[in-house]
Protein backbone atom coordinates (compact mmCIF):
# COMPACT_ATOMS: atom_id res chain seq x y z
CA UNK A 1 0.00 0.00 0.00
CA UNK A 2 1.18 3.50 -0.82
CA UNK A 3 -0.02 6.69 0.81
CA UNK A 4 0.58 10.28 -0.21
CA UNK A 5 -0.26 13.49 1.63
CA UNK A 6 -0.06 16.93 0.03
CA UNK A 7 0.57 20.24 1.73
CA UNK A 8 1.61 23.79 0.91
CA UNK A 9 -1.38 25.17 -0.94
CA UNK A 10 -2.77 28.61 -0.25
CA UNK A 11 -3.68 32.02 -1.60
CA UNK A 12 -1.09 33.97 -3.58
CA UNK A 13 -1.14 37.00 -5.86
CA UNK A 14 -0.46 36.67 -9.56
CA UNK A 15 3.28 36.57 -10.19
CA UNK A 16 3.95 35.00 -6.83
CA UNK A 17 5.30 31.59 -5.87
CA UNK A 18 4.24 28.56 -3.87
CA UNK A 19 5.88 25.25 -3.08
CA UNK A 20 3.75 22.17 -2.71
CA UNK A 21 4.95 19.10 -0.87
CA UNK A 22 3.90 15.47 -1.18
CA UNK A 23 4.96 13.07 1.55
CA UNK A 24 4.88 9.47 0.40
CA UNK A 25 5.06 6.17 2.19
CA UNK A 26 4.82 2.53 1.22
CA UNK A 27 6.66 -0.46 -0.09
CA UNK A 28 8.63 -0.47 -3.36
CA UNK A 29 8.26 3.29 -3.57
CA UNK A 30 11.63 3.67 -5.30
CA UNK A 31 10.32 1.72 -8.30
CA UNK A 32 7.56 4.21 -8.97
CA UNK A 33 7.02 7.64 -10.41
CA UNK A 34 5.39 10.54 -8.59
CA UNK A 35 3.23 13.13 -10.27
CA UNK A 36 1.27 16.30 -9.74
CA UNK A 37 -2.14 16.88 -11.26
CA UNK A 38 -4.62 19.70 -10.89
CA UNK A 39 -8.32 20.22 -11.30
CA UNK A 40 -9.94 23.61 -11.68
CA UNK A 41 -13.67 24.15 -11.09
CA UNK A 42 -15.71 22.81 -13.98
CA UNK A 43 -12.68 21.30 -15.68
CA UNK A 44 -11.16 17.85 -15.96
CA UNK A 45 -8.15 16.84 -13.94
CA UNK A 46 -4.97 17.50 -15.88
CA UNK A 47 -1.37 16.40 -15.64
CA UNK A 48 1.15 18.97 -14.41
CA UNK A 49 4.50 17.26 -13.82
CA UNK A 50 6.08 13.94 -12.84
CA UNK A 51 9.37 12.63 -11.53
CA UNK A 52 10.82 9.16 -11.10
CA UNK A 53 12.24 8.32 -7.69
CA UNK A 54 15.12 6.43 -9.22
CA UNK A 55 17.19 8.62 -11.50
CA UNK A 56 15.02 11.70 -11.13
CA UNK A 57 13.85 11.96 -14.74
CA UNK A 58 11.10 14.55 -15.09
CA UNK A 59 8.27 15.47 -17.43
CA UNK A 60 6.04 18.54 -17.59
CA UNK A 61 2.84 19.72 -19.15
CA UNK A 62 3.33 22.60 -21.57
CA UNK A 63 1.51 24.89 -19.13
CA UNK A 64 4.10 24.13 -16.45
CA UNK A 65 7.31 24.29 -18.47
CA UNK A 66 9.54 27.19 -17.50
CA UNK A 67 7.47 28.10 -14.42
CA UNK A 68 7.12 24.93 -12.35
CA UNK A 69 9.84 22.61 -11.11
CA UNK A 70 9.29 19.14 -9.70
CA UNK A 71 11.93 17.66 -7.43
CA UNK A 72 12.31 14.94 -4.85
CA UNK A 73 14.10 14.33 -1.58
CA UNK A 74 14.74 10.61 -1.36
CA UNK A 75 15.77 10.77 2.28
CA UNK A 76 12.44 12.37 3.23
CA UNK A 77 10.31 10.44 0.72
CA UNK A 78 8.94 13.79 -0.34
CA UNK A 79 8.25 15.29 -3.74
CA UNK A 80 7.97 19.02 -4.29
CA UNK A 81 6.37 21.23 -6.87
CA UNK A 82 7.90 24.70 -6.95
CA UNK A 83 5.52 27.02 -8.75
CA UNK A 84 6.74 30.44 -9.86
CA UNK A 85 5.16 33.25 -11.87
CA UNK A 86 1.74 32.00 -10.90
CA UNK A 87 -1.27 33.04 -12.94
CA UNK A 88 -4.97 33.15 -12.04
CA UNK A 89 -5.49 30.23 -14.42
CA UNK A 90 -3.26 28.12 -12.17
CA UNK A 91 -6.02 28.19 -9.56
CA UNK A 92 -7.04 24.60 -8.87
CA UNK A 93 -6.91 21.75 -6.43
CA UNK A 94 -3.50 20.14 -6.82
CA UNK A 95 -3.16 16.40 -6.33
CA UNK A 96 -0.16 14.20 -5.79
CA UNK A 97 -0.31 10.73 -7.32
CA UNK A 98 1.75 7.56 -7.71
CA UNK A 99 2.36 5.83 -11.03
CA UNK A 100 2.97 2.15 -10.28
CA UNK A 101 3.89 1.21 -13.84
CA UNK A 102 7.54 0.30 -14.25
CA UNK A 103 7.44 0.42 -18.04
CA UNK A 104 4.70 1.29 -20.49
CA UNK A 105 1.52 3.26 -20.07
CA UNK A 106 1.20 5.09 -16.71
CA UNK A 107 -1.15 3.77 -14.05
CA UNK A 108 -1.85 6.44 -11.45
CA UNK A 109 -3.10 4.16 -8.73
CA UNK A 110 -2.70 6.18 -5.55
CA UNK A 111 -3.86 9.74 -4.91
CA UNK A 112 -3.67 12.28 -2.15
CA UNK A 113 -6.57 14.33 -0.87
CA UNK A 114 -5.50 17.46 -2.73
CA UNK A 115 -4.44 20.94 -1.71
CA UNK A 116 -6.08 24.16 -2.88
CA UNK A 117 -4.05 26.74 -4.75
CA UNK A 118 -5.73 30.08 -5.41
CA UNK A 119 -4.05 32.80 -7.46
CA UNK A 120 -5.63 36.23 -7.27
CA UNK A 121 -5.32 38.77 -10.06
C-alpha atoms as a PDB file:
ATOM      1  CA  UNK A   1       0.000   0.000   0.000  1.00  0.00           C
ATOM      2  CA  UNK A   2       1.177   3.502  -0.824  1.00  0.00           C
ATOM      3  CA  UNK A   3      -0.017   6.691   0.810  1.00  0.00           C
ATOM      4  CA  UNK A   4       0.583  10.282  -0.212  1.00  0.00           C
ATOM      5  CA  UNK A   5      -0.257  13.491   1.629  1.00  0.00           C
ATOM      6  CA  UNK A   6      -0.057  16.926   0.029  1.00  0.00           C
ATOM      7  CA  UNK A   7       0.568  20.243   1.732  1.00  0.00           C
ATOM      8  CA  UNK A   8       1.610  23.788   0.906  1.00  0.00           C
ATOM      9  CA  UNK A   9      -1.378  25.174  -0.940  1.00  0.00           C
ATOM     10  CA  UNK A  10      -2.770  28.611  -0.249  1.00  0.00           C
ATOM     11  CA  UNK A  11      -3.676  32.021  -1.605  1.00  0.00           C
ATOM     12  CA  UNK A  12      -1.094  33.974  -3.577  1.00  0.00           C
ATOM     13  CA  UNK A  13      -1.139  37.001  -5.863  1.00  0.00           C
ATOM     14  CA  UNK A  14      -0.457  36.669  -9.562  1.00  0.00           C
ATOM     15  CA  UNK A  15       3.278  36.571 -10.187  1.00  0.00           C
ATOM     16  CA  UNK A  16       3.953  35.001  -6.826  1.00  0.00           C
ATOM     17  CA  UNK A  17       5.298  31.588  -5.868  1.00  0.00           C
ATOM     18  CA  UNK A  18       4.235  28.556  -3.873  1.00  0.00           C
ATOM     19  CA  UNK A  19       5.884  25.255  -3.085  1.00  0.00           C
ATOM     20  CA  UNK A  20       3.748  22.169  -2.713  1.00  0.00           C
ATOM     21  CA  UNK A  21       4.949  19.097  -0.874  1.00  0.00           C
ATOM     22  CA  UNK A  22       3.902  15.474  -1.182  1.00  0.00           C
ATOM     23  CA  UNK A  23       4.963  13.075   1.551  1.00  0.00           C
ATOM     24  CA  UNK A  24       4.877   9.475   0.398  1.00  0.00           C
ATOM     25  CA  UNK A  25       5.063   6.166   2.193  1.00  0.00           C
ATOM     26  CA  UNK A  26       4.822   2.534   1.220  1.00  0.00           C
ATOM     27  CA  UNK A  27       6.664  -0.463  -0.086  1.00  0.00           C
ATOM     28  CA  UNK A  28       8.634  -0.468  -3.360  1.00  0.00           C
ATOM     29  CA  UNK A  29       8.262   3.293  -3.572  1.00  0.00           C
ATOM     30  CA  UNK A  30      11.626   3.674  -5.299  1.00  0.00           C
ATOM     31  CA  UNK A  31      10.323   1.722  -8.302  1.00  0.00           C
ATOM     32  CA  UNK A  32       7.563   4.213  -8.969  1.00  0.00           C
ATOM     33  CA  UNK A  33       7.020   7.641 -10.409  1.00  0.00           C
ATOM     34  CA  UNK A  34       5.392  10.544  -8.593  1.00  0.00           C
ATOM     35  CA  UNK A  35       3.232  13.132 -10.269  1.00  0.00           C
ATOM     36  CA  UNK A  36       1.266  16.295  -9.742  1.00  0.00           C
ATOM     37  CA  UNK A  37      -2.141  16.877 -11.264  1.00  0.00           C
ATOM     38  CA  UNK A  38      -4.616  19.697 -10.894  1.00  0.00           C
ATOM     39  CA  UNK A  39      -8.324  20.215 -11.304  1.00  0.00           C
ATOM     40  CA  UNK A  40      -9.936  23.607 -11.684  1.00  0.00           C
ATOM     41  CA  UNK A  41     -13.669  24.149 -11.088  1.00  0.00           C
ATOM     42  CA  UNK A  42     -15.707  22.808 -13.978  1.00  0.00           C
ATOM     43  CA  UNK A  43     -12.678  21.298 -15.682  1.00  0.00           C
ATOM     44  CA  UNK A  44     -11.164  17.851 -15.961  1.00  0.00           C
ATOM     45  CA  UNK A  45      -8.150  16.845 -13.935  1.00  0.00           C
ATOM     46  CA  UNK A  46      -4.966  17.502 -15.877  1.00  0.00           C
ATOM     47  CA  UNK A  47      -1.369  16.397 -15.636  1.00  0.00           C
ATOM     48  CA  UNK A  48       1.153  18.968 -14.413  1.00  0.00           C
ATOM     49  CA  UNK A  49       4.496  17.257 -13.821  1.00  0.00           C
ATOM     50  CA  UNK A  50       6.081  13.940 -12.844  1.00  0.00           C
ATOM     51  CA  UNK A  51       9.369  12.633 -11.532  1.00  0.00           C
ATOM     52  CA  UNK A  52      10.820   9.163 -11.097  1.00  0.00           C
ATOM     53  CA  UNK A  53      12.241   8.324  -7.688  1.00  0.00           C
ATOM     54  CA  UNK A  54      15.123   6.428  -9.220  1.00  0.00           C
ATOM     55  CA  UNK A  55      17.188   8.619 -11.499  1.00  0.00           C
ATOM     56  CA  UNK A  56      15.025  11.700 -11.133  1.00  0.00           C
ATOM     57  CA  UNK A  57      13.848  11.965 -14.740  1.00  0.00           C
ATOM     58  CA  UNK A  58      11.100  14.545 -15.086  1.00  0.00           C
ATOM     59  CA  UNK A  59       8.273  15.466 -17.429  1.00  0.00           C
ATOM     60  CA  UNK A  60       6.043  18.541 -17.588  1.00  0.00           C
ATOM     61  CA  UNK A  61       2.844  19.721 -19.154  1.00  0.00           C
ATOM     62  CA  UNK A  62       3.325  22.598 -21.568  1.00  0.00           C
ATOM     63  CA  UNK A  63       1.509  24.891 -19.127  1.00  0.00           C
ATOM     64  CA  UNK A  64       4.101  24.128 -16.453  1.00  0.00           C
ATOM     65  CA  UNK A  65       7.305  24.295 -18.469  1.00  0.00           C
ATOM     66  CA  UNK A  66       9.537  27.188 -17.502  1.00  0.00           C
ATOM     67  CA  UNK A  67       7.469  28.097 -14.421  1.00  0.00           C
ATOM     68  CA  UNK A  68       7.118  24.931 -12.351  1.00  0.00           C
ATOM     69  CA  UNK A  69       9.844  22.608 -11.115  1.00  0.00           C
ATOM     70  CA  UNK A  70       9.290  19.140  -9.702  1.00  0.00           C
ATOM     71  CA  UNK A  71      11.931  17.662  -7.429  1.00  0.00           C
ATOM     72  CA  UNK A  72      12.307  14.941  -4.845  1.00  0.00           C
ATOM     73  CA  UNK A  73      14.096  14.335  -1.582  1.00  0.00           C
ATOM     74  CA  UNK A  74      14.737  10.612  -1.359  1.00  0.00           C
ATOM     75  CA  UNK A  75      15.766  10.772   2.283  1.00  0.00           C
ATOM     76  CA  UNK A  76      12.438  12.371   3.232  1.00  0.00           C
ATOM     77  CA  UNK A  77      10.308  10.441   0.716  1.00  0.00           C
ATOM     78  CA  UNK A  78       8.940  13.791  -0.344  1.00  0.00           C
ATOM     79  CA  UNK A  79       8.253  15.285  -3.742  1.00  0.00           C
ATOM     80  CA  UNK A  80       7.975  19.021  -4.287  1.00  0.00           C
ATOM     81  CA  UNK A  81       6.368  21.234  -6.873  1.00  0.00           C
ATOM     82  CA  UNK A  82       7.896  24.697  -6.953  1.00  0.00           C
ATOM     83  CA  UNK A  83       5.522  27.023  -8.749  1.00  0.00           C
ATOM     84  CA  UNK A  84       6.737  30.437  -9.865  1.00  0.00           C
ATOM     85  CA  UNK A  85       5.157  33.246 -11.874  1.00  0.00           C
ATOM     86  CA  UNK A  86       1.737  32.000 -10.905  1.00  0.00           C
ATOM     87  CA  UNK A  87      -1.270  33.042 -12.937  1.00  0.00           C
ATOM     88  CA  UNK A  88      -4.965  33.153 -12.036  1.00  0.00           C
ATOM     89  CA  UNK A  89      -5.492  30.230 -14.421  1.00  0.00           C
ATOM     90  CA  UNK A  90      -3.265  28.115 -12.171  1.00  0.00           C
ATOM     91  CA  UNK A  91      -6.020  28.195  -9.565  1.00  0.00           C
ATOM     92  CA  UNK A  92      -7.035  24.604  -8.870  1.00  0.00           C
ATOM     93  CA  UNK A  93      -6.909  21.751  -6.427  1.00  0.00           C
ATOM     94  CA  UNK A  94      -3.500  20.139  -6.818  1.00  0.00           C
ATOM     95  CA  UNK A  95      -3.165  16.403  -6.327  1.00  0.00           C
ATOM     96  CA  UNK A  96      -0.160  14.195  -5.794  1.00  0.00           C
ATOM     97  CA  UNK A  97      -0.307  10.730  -7.324  1.00  0.00           C
ATOM     98  CA  UNK A  98       1.753   7.559  -7.707  1.00  0.00           C
ATOM     99  CA  UNK A  99       2.356   5.825 -11.034  1.00  0.00           C
ATOM    100  CA  UNK A 100       2.967   2.151 -10.276  1.00  0.00           C
ATOM    101  CA  UNK A 101       3.891   1.208 -13.838  1.00  0.00           C
ATOM    102  CA  UNK A 102       7.541   0.303 -14.250  1.00  0.00           C
ATOM    103  CA  UNK A 103       7.436   0.425 -18.043  1.00  0.00           C
ATOM    104  CA  UNK A 104       4.705   1.288 -20.487  1.00  0.00           C
ATOM    105  CA  UNK A 105       1.520   3.262 -20.071  1.00  0.00           C
ATOM    106  CA  UNK A 106       1.200   5.092 -16.711  1.00  0.00           C
ATOM    107  CA  UNK A 107      -1.151   3.767 -14.054  1.00  0.00           C
ATOM    108  CA  UNK A 108      -1.846   6.436 -11.448  1.00  0.00           C
ATOM    109  CA  UNK A 109      -3.096   4.156  -8.735  1.00  0.00           C
ATOM    110  CA  UNK A 110      -2.697   6.184  -5.554  1.00  0.00           C
ATOM    111  CA  UNK A 111      -3.862   9.738  -4.908  1.00  0.00           C
ATOM    112  CA  UNK A 112      -3.672  12.277  -2.146  1.00  0.00           C
ATOM    113  CA  UNK A 113      -6.572  14.328  -0.874  1.00  0.00           C
ATOM    114  CA  UNK A 114      -5.498  17.462  -2.730  1.00  0.00           C
ATOM    115  CA  UNK A 115      -4.440  20.941  -1.708  1.00  0.00           C
ATOM    116  CA  UNK A 116      -6.081  24.157  -2.879  1.00  0.00           C
ATOM    117  CA  UNK A 117      -4.053  26.744  -4.750  1.00  0.00           C
ATOM    118  CA  UNK A 118      -5.733  30.081  -5.410  1.00  0.00           C
ATOM    119  CA  UNK A 119      -4.051  32.795  -7.459  1.00  0.00           C
ATOM    120  CA  UNK A 120      -5.628  36.234  -7.273  1.00  0.00           C
ATOM    121  CA  UNK A 121      -5.317  38.772 -10.063  1.00  0.00           C
END
